[in-house]
N, C-alpha and C. Protein backbone atom coordinates (compact mmCIF):
# COMPACT_ATOMS: atom_id res chain seq x y z
N UNK A 1 5.50 -15.61 -8.77
CA UNK A 1 3.97 -15.49 -8.71
C UNK A 1 3.47 -14.83 -10.01
N UNK A 2 2.45 -15.23 -10.54
CA UNK A 2 1.96 -14.38 -11.43
C UNK A 2 1.13 -13.41 -10.97
N UNK A 3 0.88 -12.12 -11.45
CA UNK A 3 0.50 -11.06 -11.25
C UNK A 3 -0.64 -10.85 -12.50
N UNK A 4 -1.77 -11.09 -12.38
CA UNK A 4 -3.01 -10.87 -13.40
C UNK A 4 -3.93 -9.07 -13.25
N UNK A 5 -4.21 -8.48 -14.05
CA UNK A 5 -4.74 -7.22 -13.89
C UNK A 5 -6.03 -7.66 -13.67
N UNK A 6 -7.14 -7.83 -12.76
CA UNK A 6 -8.11 -8.02 -12.52
C UNK A 6 -9.37 -7.02 -12.69
N UNK A 7 -8.89 -5.71 -12.83
CA UNK A 7 -9.44 -4.62 -13.28
C UNK A 7 -10.63 -4.77 -13.89
N UNK A 8 -11.72 -4.02 -13.50
CA UNK A 8 -12.81 -3.91 -14.32
C UNK A 8 -13.27 -2.97 -14.66
N UNK A 9 -12.46 -2.01 -15.92
CA UNK A 9 -12.65 -0.74 -16.64
C UNK A 9 -12.60 -0.39 -17.92
N UNK A 10 -13.75 -0.24 -18.37
CA UNK A 10 -13.84 -0.28 -19.99
C UNK A 10 -12.91 1.01 -20.54
N UNK A 11 -12.35 1.77 -19.72
CA UNK A 11 -11.72 3.03 -20.33
C UNK A 11 -10.20 2.36 -19.97
N UNK A 12 -9.71 0.82 -19.63
CA UNK A 12 -8.48 0.92 -19.48
C UNK A 12 -7.64 1.30 -20.52
N UNK A 13 -6.43 1.67 -20.30
CA UNK A 13 -5.18 1.86 -21.38
C UNK A 13 -4.48 0.41 -21.29
N UNK A 14 -3.78 -0.42 -22.11
CA UNK A 14 -3.12 -1.24 -22.54
C UNK A 14 -1.72 -1.20 -21.67
N UNK A 15 -2.05 -1.61 -20.54
CA UNK A 15 -1.13 -2.03 -19.17
C UNK A 15 0.09 -2.59 -19.81
N UNK A 16 1.52 -2.11 -19.50
CA UNK A 16 2.35 -2.77 -19.84
C UNK A 16 3.62 -3.06 -18.84
N UNK A 17 3.41 -2.62 -17.99
CA UNK A 17 3.99 -2.71 -16.64
C UNK A 17 3.24 -3.62 -15.36
N UNK A 18 3.66 -4.34 -14.81
CA UNK A 18 3.20 -5.21 -14.04
C UNK A 18 1.83 -4.38 -13.34
N UNK A 19 0.52 -5.50 -12.74
CA UNK A 19 -0.16 -4.35 -12.41
C UNK A 19 0.11 -4.12 -11.01
N UNK A 20 1.22 -4.55 -10.33
CA UNK A 20 1.71 -3.92 -8.93
C UNK A 20 2.02 -2.75 -9.08
N UNK A 21 2.36 -2.08 -10.74
CA UNK A 21 2.86 -1.20 -10.77
C UNK A 21 1.85 -0.02 -11.22
N UNK A 22 2.05 1.56 -10.92
CA UNK A 22 1.05 2.15 -11.79
C UNK A 22 1.74 2.19 -13.77
N UNK A 23 0.31 2.60 -14.21
CA UNK A 23 0.88 2.89 -15.84
C UNK A 23 2.16 3.75 -16.01
N UNK A 24 2.25 4.58 -14.95
CA UNK A 24 3.47 5.84 -15.24
C UNK A 24 4.04 5.71 -13.99
N UNK A 25 5.19 5.87 -13.52
CA UNK A 25 5.67 5.57 -12.25
C UNK A 25 6.65 6.90 -12.29
N UNK A 26 7.42 6.80 -11.42
CA UNK A 26 8.68 7.59 -10.89
C UNK A 26 8.90 7.31 -9.35
N UNK A 27 10.01 6.74 -9.13
CA UNK A 27 10.50 5.92 -7.96
C UNK A 27 11.95 5.88 -7.89
N UNK A 28 12.04 5.58 -6.58
CA UNK A 28 13.35 5.52 -5.74
C UNK A 28 13.79 4.46 -5.38
N UNK A 29 14.78 3.73 -5.63
CA UNK A 29 15.39 2.46 -5.21
C UNK A 29 16.50 2.88 -4.16
N UNK A 30 16.66 2.99 -2.46
CA UNK A 30 17.58 3.44 -1.75
C UNK A 30 17.91 2.50 -0.57
N UNK A 31 19.13 2.60 -0.38
CA UNK A 31 19.76 2.07 0.30
C UNK A 31 21.15 1.73 0.97
N UNK A 32 21.72 1.16 1.81
CA UNK A 32 23.17 1.10 1.59
C UNK A 32 24.00 -0.10 1.06
N UNK A 33 25.18 0.38 0.93
CA UNK A 33 26.02 -0.62 0.04
C UNK A 33 25.70 -1.98 0.41
N UNK A 34 25.29 -2.81 -0.91
CA UNK A 34 25.37 -4.15 -0.47
C UNK A 34 23.84 -4.82 -0.11
N UNK A 35 22.91 -4.08 0.22
CA UNK A 35 21.67 -4.35 0.54
C UNK A 35 20.63 -5.08 -0.58
N UNK A 36 21.21 -4.94 -1.84
CA UNK A 36 20.14 -5.53 -2.92
C UNK A 36 19.58 -4.58 -3.90
N UNK A 37 20.01 -3.67 -3.93
CA UNK A 37 19.39 -2.66 -4.89
C UNK A 37 19.90 -3.00 -6.66
N UNK A 38 20.82 -3.39 -6.90
CA UNK A 38 20.94 -3.90 -8.13
C UNK A 38 20.02 -4.98 -8.39
N UNK A 39 20.23 -6.00 -7.23
CA UNK A 39 19.41 -7.35 -7.98
C UNK A 39 17.87 -7.11 -7.89
N UNK A 40 17.29 -5.51 -6.94
CA UNK A 40 15.76 -5.20 -7.21
C UNK A 40 15.97 -4.87 -8.88
N UNK A 41 16.94 -3.60 -9.00
CA UNK A 41 16.59 -3.40 -10.25
C UNK A 41 16.66 -4.02 -11.53
N UNK A 42 17.35 -5.08 -11.40
CA UNK A 42 17.86 -6.11 -12.78
C UNK A 42 16.62 -6.66 -12.64
N UNK A 43 15.66 -6.98 -12.03
CA UNK A 43 14.34 -8.14 -11.57
C UNK A 43 13.36 -6.83 -12.22
N UNK A 44 13.02 -5.82 -11.91
CA UNK A 44 12.46 -4.78 -12.53
C UNK A 44 12.71 -4.88 -14.00
N UNK A 45 13.85 -4.57 -14.34
CA UNK A 45 14.32 -4.32 -15.70
C UNK A 45 13.89 -5.53 -16.30
N UNK A 46 14.45 -6.68 -16.16
CA UNK A 46 14.43 -8.25 -16.98
C UNK A 46 13.44 -8.94 -16.97
N UNK A 47 12.87 -8.85 -15.97
CA UNK A 47 11.54 -9.79 -15.53
C UNK A 47 10.30 -9.52 -16.63
N UNK A 48 10.16 -10.72 -17.51
CA UNK A 48 8.75 -10.45 -18.33
C UNK A 48 7.42 -9.56 -17.55
N UNK A 49 7.29 -8.46 -18.34
CA UNK A 49 5.83 -8.07 -18.05
C UNK A 49 6.03 -7.11 -16.69
N UNK A 50 7.23 -7.13 -16.40
CA UNK A 50 7.10 -5.96 -14.91
C UNK A 50 7.69 -4.80 -15.06
N UNK A 51 8.55 -4.10 -15.53
CA UNK A 51 8.92 -2.74 -16.24
C UNK A 51 8.83 -2.73 -17.44
N UNK A 52 7.90 -1.81 -18.23
CA UNK A 52 7.94 -1.83 -19.95
C UNK A 52 8.95 -0.32 -19.77
N UNK A 53 9.73 -0.18 -20.70
CA UNK A 53 10.54 0.88 -21.26
C UNK A 53 10.68 0.66 -22.67
N UNK A 54 11.20 2.08 -23.05
CA UNK A 54 11.82 1.71 -24.67
C UNK A 54 12.96 2.36 -24.95
N UNK A 55 13.52 3.47 -23.80
CA UNK A 55 14.20 4.34 -23.99
C UNK A 55 15.00 4.11 -22.34
N UNK A 56 16.31 3.77 -22.24
CA UNK A 56 16.79 3.38 -20.81
C UNK A 56 17.94 4.46 -20.63
N UNK A 57 18.01 5.02 -19.89
CA UNK A 57 19.50 5.87 -19.53
C UNK A 57 20.23 5.57 -18.19
N UNK A 58 21.25 5.35 -18.24
CA UNK A 58 21.95 4.96 -16.70
C UNK A 58 23.02 6.15 -16.49
N UNK A 59 22.40 6.92 -15.23
CA UNK A 59 24.10 7.83 -14.75
C UNK A 59 24.54 7.07 -13.85
N UNK A 60 25.71 7.08 -13.59
CA UNK A 60 26.66 6.45 -12.22
C UNK A 60 28.04 6.37 -12.22
N UNK A 61 28.68 6.73 -11.22
CA UNK A 61 29.89 6.91 -10.78
C UNK A 61 30.50 5.30 -10.96
N UNK A 62 29.76 4.49 -10.68
CA UNK A 62 30.25 2.50 -10.41
C UNK A 62 29.85 2.27 -11.86
N UNK A 63 29.90 2.60 -12.69
CA UNK A 63 29.47 1.67 -14.20
C UNK A 63 30.24 0.70 -14.48
N UNK A 64 31.46 0.38 -13.54
CA UNK A 64 32.13 -0.31 -13.93
C UNK A 64 32.02 -1.95 -13.24
N UNK A 65 30.80 -1.78 -12.58
CA UNK A 65 30.29 -3.10 -11.68
C UNK A 65 29.75 -3.55 -12.83
N UNK A 66 30.47 -5.29 -12.33
CA UNK A 66 30.22 -6.62 -13.65
C UNK A 66 28.90 -6.15 -13.94
N UNK A 67 27.77 -6.49 -13.36
CA UNK A 67 26.22 -5.82 -13.42
C UNK A 67 26.08 -5.40 -14.72
N UNK A 68 26.53 -3.79 -14.27
CA UNK A 68 26.38 -2.87 -15.36
C UNK A 68 26.96 -3.15 -16.57
N UNK A 69 27.92 -3.62 -16.53
CA UNK A 69 28.92 -4.15 -17.96
C UNK A 69 28.17 -4.91 -18.59
N UNK A 70 27.92 -6.10 -17.83
CA UNK A 70 26.79 -7.29 -18.89
C UNK A 70 25.69 -6.38 -19.15
N UNK A 71 24.95 -5.67 -18.60
CA UNK A 71 23.80 -5.17 -18.96
C UNK A 71 24.04 -4.48 -20.08
N UNK A 72 24.80 -3.61 -20.09
CA UNK A 72 25.18 -2.11 -21.11
C UNK A 72 25.92 -3.33 -22.47
N UNK A 73 26.25 -3.95 -22.20
CA UNK A 73 26.74 -4.99 -23.25
C UNK A 73 25.51 -5.57 -24.02
N UNK A 74 24.92 -6.06 -23.24
CA UNK A 74 23.67 -6.71 -23.50
C UNK A 74 22.51 -6.14 -24.27
N UNK A 75 22.15 -4.66 -23.71
CA UNK A 75 21.63 -3.72 -24.28
C UNK A 75 22.46 -3.13 -25.55
N UNK A 76 22.96 -2.86 -25.57
CA UNK A 76 23.53 -2.24 -27.08
C UNK A 76 23.80 -3.05 -27.76
N UNK A 77 23.77 -4.74 -27.71
CA UNK A 77 23.93 -6.02 -28.63
C UNK A 77 22.36 -6.16 -29.15
N UNK A 78 21.45 -5.62 -28.15
CA UNK A 78 20.08 -5.73 -28.69
C UNK A 78 19.79 -6.84 -28.45
N UNK A 79 20.13 -7.72 -27.39
CA UNK A 79 19.55 -8.81 -26.92
C UNK A 79 18.20 -8.79 -25.99
N UNK A 80 16.93 -9.44 -26.44
CA UNK A 80 15.75 -9.39 -25.72
C UNK A 80 16.28 -9.78 -24.44
N UNK A 81 15.22 -8.95 -23.19
CA UNK A 81 15.04 -9.18 -21.87
C UNK A 81 15.58 -10.70 -21.60
N UNK A 82 14.69 -11.70 -22.23
CA UNK A 82 14.79 -13.06 -21.48
C UNK A 82 16.18 -13.68 -21.98
N UNK A 83 16.73 -13.00 -22.97
CA UNK A 83 18.43 -13.50 -23.16
C UNK A 83 19.36 -13.13 -22.04
N UNK A 84 19.20 -12.01 -21.79
CA UNK A 84 19.51 -11.33 -20.58
C UNK A 84 19.26 -11.98 -19.52
N UNK A 85 18.10 -12.29 -18.95
CA UNK A 85 17.79 -12.66 -17.72
C UNK A 85 18.64 -14.11 -17.84
N UNK A 86 18.64 -14.65 -18.77
CA UNK A 86 19.40 -16.30 -19.35
C UNK A 86 20.56 -16.15 -18.39
N UNK A 87 21.03 -15.02 -19.04
CA UNK A 87 22.65 -14.64 -18.76
C UNK A 87 22.89 -14.42 -17.47
N UNK A 88 22.23 -13.83 -16.65
CA UNK A 88 22.03 -13.28 -15.06
C UNK A 88 21.86 -14.85 -14.56
N UNK A 89 20.83 -15.76 -14.81
CA UNK A 89 20.74 -16.70 -14.51
C UNK A 89 21.46 -18.06 -14.21
N UNK A 90 22.55 -17.93 -15.43
CA UNK A 90 23.40 -18.93 -15.53
C UNK A 90 25.09 -18.59 -15.24
N UNK A 91 24.97 -17.36 -14.16
CA UNK A 91 26.05 -17.04 -13.98
C UNK A 91 27.14 -17.81 -13.56
N UNK A 92 27.04 -18.73 -12.75
CA UNK A 92 27.86 -19.88 -12.24
C UNK A 92 28.53 -20.81 -13.14
N UNK A 93 27.69 -21.22 -14.22
CA UNK A 93 27.91 -21.92 -15.09
C UNK A 93 28.94 -21.21 -16.08
N UNK A 94 28.45 -19.83 -16.50
CA UNK A 94 29.48 -19.10 -17.22
C UNK A 94 31.02 -19.01 -16.44
N UNK A 95 30.75 -18.89 -14.94
CA UNK A 95 32.25 -18.41 -14.73
C UNK A 95 32.92 -19.97 -14.50
N UNK A 96 32.16 -20.90 -14.47
CA UNK A 96 32.64 -22.36 -14.57
C UNK A 96 33.48 -22.43 -15.61
N UNK A 97 33.30 -22.15 -16.80
CA UNK A 97 33.48 -22.45 -17.95
C UNK A 97 34.70 -21.42 -18.45
N UNK A 98 34.82 -20.63 -17.57
CA UNK A 98 35.71 -19.28 -18.10
C UNK A 98 35.49 -18.91 -19.26
N UNK A 99 34.43 -18.66 -19.64
CA UNK A 99 33.78 -17.35 -20.38
C UNK A 99 33.47 -16.26 -20.53
N UNK A 100 34.19 -15.21 -21.16
CA UNK A 100 33.75 -13.99 -20.77
C UNK A 100 32.42 -13.81 -21.56
N UNK A 101 31.71 -13.08 -20.45
CA UNK A 101 30.28 -12.55 -20.69
C UNK A 101 30.14 -11.72 -21.90
N UNK A 102 30.75 -11.05 -22.09
CA UNK A 102 31.14 -9.46 -23.23
C UNK A 102 31.07 -10.60 -24.61
N UNK A 103 32.01 -11.92 -25.04
CA UNK A 103 32.31 -12.56 -25.89
C UNK A 103 30.72 -13.31 -26.14
N UNK A 104 30.49 -13.95 -24.85
CA UNK A 104 29.23 -14.37 -24.97
C UNK A 104 27.78 -13.95 -25.63
N UNK A 105 27.83 -12.87 -25.11
CA UNK A 105 26.56 -12.01 -25.53
C UNK A 105 26.95 -11.62 -26.88
N UNK A 106 27.79 -11.27 -27.59
CA UNK A 106 28.38 -10.65 -28.80
C UNK A 106 27.99 -12.07 -29.83
N UNK A 107 28.42 -13.35 -29.17
CA UNK A 107 28.33 -14.49 -30.05
C UNK A 107 26.37 -14.62 -30.01
N UNK A 108 25.83 -14.58 -28.86
CA UNK A 108 24.21 -15.01 -28.61
C UNK A 108 23.74 -13.65 -29.73
N UNK A 109 23.88 -12.42 -29.56
CA UNK A 109 23.43 -11.37 -30.72
C UNK A 109 23.94 -11.83 -31.91
N UNK A 110 24.63 -12.57 -32.55
CA UNK A 110 24.95 -13.18 -34.00
C UNK A 110 23.79 -14.39 -34.25
N UNK A 111 23.27 -14.60 -33.03
CA UNK A 111 22.29 -16.06 -33.60
C UNK A 111 20.80 -15.27 -33.33
N UNK A 112 20.49 -14.16 -32.92
CA UNK A 112 19.35 -13.99 -32.84
C UNK A 112 18.69 -13.38 -34.25
N UNK A 113 17.08 -13.89 -34.24
CA UNK A 113 16.29 -13.74 -35.19
C UNK A 113 15.60 -12.16 -34.94
N UNK A 114 15.20 -12.16 -33.69
CA UNK A 114 14.57 -10.74 -33.19
C UNK A 114 15.08 -10.37 -32.39
N UNK A 115 15.56 -9.20 -32.30
CA UNK A 115 16.65 -8.15 -31.68
C UNK A 115 15.29 -7.08 -30.65
N UNK A 116 15.98 -6.26 -29.13
CA UNK A 116 14.95 -5.73 -28.35
C UNK A 116 15.15 -4.30 -29.02
N UNK A 117 14.19 -4.01 -29.10
CA UNK A 117 14.00 -2.69 -29.36
C UNK A 117 14.54 -1.31 -28.65
N UNK A 118 14.67 -1.99 -27.06
CA UNK A 118 15.20 -1.02 -26.36
C UNK A 118 16.43 -0.12 -26.55
N UNK A 119 16.19 1.27 -26.50
CA UNK A 119 17.43 1.71 -26.78
C UNK A 119 18.48 2.29 -25.43
N UNK A 120 19.85 2.48 -25.40
CA UNK A 120 19.97 2.39 -24.09
C UNK A 120 21.02 3.37 -24.12
N UNK A 121 21.81 4.28 -23.09
CA UNK A 121 22.86 5.04 -23.02
C UNK A 121 23.19 5.09 -21.82
N UNK A 122 24.93 5.28 -21.22
CA UNK A 122 25.39 4.80 -20.28
C UNK A 122 26.38 6.05 -20.30
N UNK A 123 26.19 6.97 -19.02
CA UNK A 123 27.17 7.69 -18.79
C UNK A 123 27.47 8.06 -17.64
N UNK A 124 28.62 8.16 -17.47
CA UNK A 124 29.73 8.50 -15.70
C UNK A 124 29.51 9.56 -15.01
N UNK A 125 28.94 10.36 -15.60
CA UNK A 125 28.80 11.96 -14.83
C UNK A 125 27.09 12.27 -14.95
N UNK A 126 26.99 13.17 -13.99
CA UNK A 126 25.87 13.56 -13.94
C UNK A 126 25.51 15.07 -15.30
N UNK A 127 26.61 15.18 -15.11
CA UNK A 127 26.84 16.30 -17.10
C UNK A 127 25.67 16.14 -17.85
N UNK A 128 25.23 15.15 -18.58
CA UNK A 128 24.69 14.21 -19.53
C UNK A 128 23.55 14.10 -19.23
N UNK A 129 22.47 14.37 -18.04
CA UNK A 129 21.11 14.27 -17.36
C UNK A 129 20.35 15.23 -18.76
N UNK A 130 19.27 14.51 -19.35
CA UNK A 130 18.45 15.14 -19.97
C UNK A 130 17.39 15.87 -19.07
N UNK A 131 17.19 16.85 -19.78
CA UNK A 131 15.75 17.83 -19.41
C UNK A 131 14.64 16.87 -19.29
N UNK A 132 14.17 16.77 -18.33
CA UNK A 132 12.95 16.01 -18.78
C UNK A 132 11.79 16.29 -19.49
N UNK A 133 11.91 17.51 -19.97
CA UNK A 133 11.16 18.08 -20.76
C UNK A 133 11.27 17.94 -22.44
N UNK A 134 12.87 17.33 -22.67
CA UNK A 134 13.03 17.29 -23.89
C UNK A 134 12.61 15.27 -24.26
N UNK A 135 12.37 14.98 -23.17
CA UNK A 135 11.95 13.46 -23.75
C UNK A 135 10.79 13.32 -24.54
N UNK A 136 10.95 12.10 -25.34
CA UNK A 136 9.46 12.35 -25.71
C UNK A 136 8.23 11.37 -25.04
N UNK A 137 7.34 12.03 -25.05
CA UNK A 137 6.42 11.25 -24.38
C UNK A 137 5.44 10.46 -25.09
N UNK A 138 6.25 9.78 -26.27
CA UNK A 138 5.41 8.57 -27.58
C UNK A 138 6.10 7.14 -26.59
N UNK A 139 7.48 7.69 -25.68
CA UNK A 139 8.43 6.79 -25.27
C UNK A 139 8.00 6.36 -23.65
N UNK A 140 8.28 5.22 -23.15
CA UNK A 140 8.67 5.06 -21.92
C UNK A 140 10.17 5.26 -21.53
N UNK A 141 10.41 6.39 -20.62
CA UNK A 141 12.03 6.18 -20.64
C UNK A 141 12.19 5.73 -19.26
N UNK A 142 13.13 5.20 -19.25
CA UNK A 142 13.60 4.58 -17.72
C UNK A 142 15.29 5.64 -17.61
N UNK A 143 15.09 6.58 -16.59
CA UNK A 143 16.32 6.90 -16.00
C UNK A 143 16.56 5.81 -14.64
N UNK A 144 17.85 6.08 -14.78
CA UNK A 144 18.62 5.04 -13.35
C UNK A 144 19.98 6.12 -13.00
N UNK A 145 19.80 6.61 -11.82
CA UNK A 145 20.83 7.26 -10.87
C UNK A 145 21.18 6.62 -9.98
N UNK A 146 22.61 6.21 -10.24
CA UNK A 146 23.63 5.50 -9.71
C UNK A 146 24.59 6.08 -8.53
N UNK A 147 24.73 6.32 -7.55
CA UNK A 147 25.49 6.70 -6.79
C UNK A 147 26.14 8.36 -7.10
N UNK A 148 25.39 9.17 -8.06
CA UNK A 148 25.72 10.65 -8.47
C UNK A 148 25.70 11.36 -7.54
N UNK A 149 24.91 11.49 -6.31
CA UNK A 149 24.11 12.14 -4.96
C UNK A 149 25.77 12.01 -4.42
N UNK A 150 26.47 11.32 -4.98
CA UNK A 150 28.10 11.21 -3.72
C UNK A 150 29.13 12.58 -4.37
N UNK A 151 28.43 12.62 -5.33
CA UNK A 151 29.28 13.81 -6.03
C UNK A 151 28.95 15.11 -5.07
N UNK A 152 29.53 15.78 -4.34
CA UNK A 152 29.05 16.60 -3.91
C UNK A 152 28.67 18.38 -4.74
N UNK A 153 27.28 18.43 -4.30
CA UNK A 153 26.78 19.30 -5.12
C UNK A 153 26.87 19.36 -7.17
N UNK A 154 27.08 18.43 -7.42
CA UNK A 154 27.48 18.71 -8.96
C UNK A 154 26.40 18.32 -9.59
N UNK A 155 25.35 17.96 -9.24
CA UNK A 155 24.32 17.47 -9.78
C UNK A 155 23.35 18.86 -9.96
N UNK A 156 23.45 20.02 -8.74
CA UNK A 156 22.96 21.13 -8.90
C UNK A 156 23.48 22.22 -9.94
N UNK A 157 24.24 21.42 -10.80
CA UNK A 157 24.98 22.62 -11.70
C UNK A 157 24.15 23.37 -12.72
N UNK A 158 22.68 22.90 -12.71
CA UNK A 158 21.70 23.29 -13.64
C UNK A 158 20.47 22.40 -13.04
N UNK A 159 19.61 23.72 -13.47
CA UNK A 159 18.01 23.31 -12.88
C UNK A 159 17.19 22.32 -13.82
N UNK A 160 16.64 21.22 -13.04
CA UNK A 160 15.75 20.49 -14.09
C UNK A 160 14.30 20.75 -13.54
N UNK A 161 13.84 20.96 -14.27
CA UNK A 161 12.00 20.98 -13.84
C UNK A 161 11.47 19.93 -14.35
N UNK A 162 10.34 19.17 -13.26
CA UNK A 162 9.41 18.03 -13.47
C UNK A 162 8.25 18.91 -13.34
N UNK A 163 7.09 18.80 -14.25
CA UNK A 163 6.24 19.52 -14.59
C UNK A 163 5.86 20.77 -13.58
N UNK A 164 5.58 20.73 -12.70
CA UNK A 164 5.53 22.30 -11.63
C UNK A 164 6.68 22.15 -10.77
N UNK A 165 7.01 20.96 -10.63
CA UNK A 165 8.05 20.94 -9.35
C UNK A 165 9.54 21.04 -10.10
N UNK A 166 10.27 21.66 -9.37
CA UNK A 166 11.66 22.02 -9.51
C UNK A 166 12.48 21.62 -8.31
N UNK A 167 13.85 20.88 -8.97
CA UNK A 167 14.78 20.22 -8.45
C UNK A 167 15.73 20.98 -8.79
N UNK A 168 16.60 21.33 -7.57
CA UNK A 168 17.93 21.99 -7.96
C UNK A 168 18.80 20.66 -7.51
């Protein structure tokens, strides 16, 4: 279903997220293992017009999952969102042909005229979590935490401040 912003506001900023989401959001995707968190996340990240971001940070203990490996490789090779979603949509055909997704991504990147401008960084520990005060307000920053809270008391090794709220 295509969602269009039909609001009538003369001071409207250029909305880059879907009209179903606020211009600036903070959110959590929470659920037990296997409930579809990754599917929801990939749809938010890759569907055109859904979630606009310039910088992409992923922190997690389970970054060896195939979805993260493919996403990481595709973003490092600067594939546009359309190409990445095409990879995920054609997963069965790629597996039947016994083609390495990584090799396919490299081949796709060679033939691209227009590359993505999304910067990405992937970390397997919470020690590299940036202080939000140090992130540029000129960019839309997306930070994903996956299973880091399972590390008992590791995240509260330092204090992170969000505006007036302090999170330990």
